[in-house]
C-alpha atoms as a PDB file:
ATOM      1  CA  MET A   1     124.726  99.673 103.706  1.00  0.00           C
ATOM      2  CA  SER A   2     122.458  96.953 104.537  1.00  0.00           C
ATOM      3  CA  ALA A   3     119.129  96.803 102.953  1.00  0.00           C
ATOM      4  CA  SER A   4     117.393  97.607 106.465  1.00  0.00           C
ATOM      5  CA  GLU A   5     119.787 100.369 106.881  1.00  0.00           C
ATOM      6  CA  PHE A   6     118.583 101.623 103.396  1.00  0.00           C
ATOM      7  CA  ARG A   7     114.621 100.985 104.026  1.00  0.00           C
ATOM      8  CA  ARG A   8     115.431 103.440 107.331  1.00  0.00           C
ATOM      9  CA  LEU A   9     116.885 105.995 105.733  1.00  0.00           C
ATOM     10  CA  LEU A  10     114.079 105.706 103.162  1.00  0.00           C
ATOM     11  CA  GLU A  11     111.309 106.305 106.106  1.00  0.00           C
ATOM     12  CA  ALA A  12     113.631 108.837 107.316  1.00  0.00           C
ATOM     13  CA  ALA A  13     110.634 111.877 106.175  1.00  0.00           C
ATOM     14  CA  PRO A  14     110.753 114.699 108.400  1.00  0.00           C
ATOM     15  CA  THR A  15     107.439 115.191 110.390  1.00  0.00           C
ATOM     16  CA  ALA A  16     106.035 118.816 111.108  1.00  0.00           C
ATOM     17  CA  ALA A  17     107.001 119.038 114.461  1.00  0.00           C
ATOM     18  CA  GLU A  18     110.777 118.026 113.566  1.00  0.00           C
ATOM     19  CA  LEU A  19     110.681 120.786 110.785  1.00  0.00           C
ATOM     20  CA  GLU A  20     109.586 123.259 113.535  1.00  0.00           C
ATOM     21  CA  GLU A  21     112.284 122.274 115.806  1.00  0.00           C
ATOM     22  CA  VAL A  22     114.962 123.007 113.468  1.00  0.00           C
ATOM     23  CA  ALA A  23     113.133 126.352 112.440  1.00  0.00           C
ATOM     24  CA  ALA A  24     113.094 127.763 116.129  1.00  0.00           C
ATOM     25  CA  ARG A  25     117.020 126.439 116.408  1.00  0.00           C
ATOM     26  CA  ILE A  26     118.035 128.369 113.423  1.00  0.00           C
ATOM     27  CA  GLY A  27     115.517 131.639 114.008  1.00  0.00           C
ATOM     28  CA  ALA A  28     113.285 131.093 111.458  1.00  0.00           C
ATOM     29  CA  VAL A  29     109.951 130.073 112.865  1.00  0.00           C
ATOM     30  CA  ASP A  30     107.963 132.753 111.352  1.00  0.00           C
ATOM     31  CA  LEU A  31     109.582 131.827 107.899  1.00  0.00           C
ATOM     32  CA  ILE A  32     108.720 128.070 108.219  1.00  0.00           C
ATOM     33  CA  GLN A  33     105.672 128.849 105.691  1.00  0.00           C
ATOM     34  CA  ASP A  34     108.486 129.975 102.839  1.00  0.00           C
ATOM     35  CA  PHE A  35     109.217 127.215 100.635  1.00  0.00           C
ATOM     36  CA  GLN A  36     113.060 127.537 100.829  1.00  0.00           C
ATOM     37  CA  VAL A  37     113.062 127.830 104.218  1.00  0.00           C
ATOM     38  CA  LYS A  38     111.057 124.562 104.577  1.00  0.00           C
ATOM     39  CA  MET A  39     113.299 122.823 101.879  1.00  0.00           C
ATOM     40  CA  ASN A  40     116.327 123.718 104.321  1.00  0.00           C
ATOM     41  CA  CYS A  41     114.669 122.826 106.992  1.00  0.00           C
ATOM     42  CA  GLU A  42     113.923 119.435 105.836  1.00  0.00           C
ATOM     43  CA  ARG A  43     117.743 118.846 104.450  1.00  0.00           C
ATOM     44  CA  VAL A  44     118.940 119.354 108.166  1.00  0.00           C
ATOM     45  CA  VAL A  45     116.141 117.008 109.588  1.00  0.00           C
ATOM     46  CA  MET A  46     117.335 114.353 106.978  1.00  0.00           C
ATOM     47  CA  LEU A  47     121.125 114.900 107.684  1.00  0.00           C
ATOM     48  CA  GLU A  48     120.691 114.213 111.299  1.00  0.00           C
ATOM     49  CA  LYS A  49     118.381 111.117 110.897  1.00  0.00           C
ATOM     50  CA  TYR A  50     121.229 109.519 108.164  1.00  0.00           C
ATOM     51  CA  ALA A  51     123.912 110.590 110.695  1.00  0.00           C
ATOM     52  CA  ARG A  52     122.379 108.810 113.517  1.00  0.00           C
ATOM     53  CA  VAL A  53     121.507 105.369 111.432  1.00  0.00           C
ATOM     54  CA  LEU A  54     124.934 105.488 110.037  1.00  0.00           C
ATOM     55  CA  ASN A  55     126.244 105.456 113.421  1.00  0.00           C
ATOM     56  CA  GLN A  56     124.357 102.863 115.139  1.00  0.00           C
END
């Protein structure tokens, strides 16, 4: 992995909109305030972003 790819991965922090999108997709919109659900949504967004960067 190149330095620029690694930098893009570090900048891949999920936005609030992305977290809400994942929560909606998994049917957890009312639960997004729950810490564990939020962490799970963040992991999903990060993995999606990693996959996008690594597949380019």
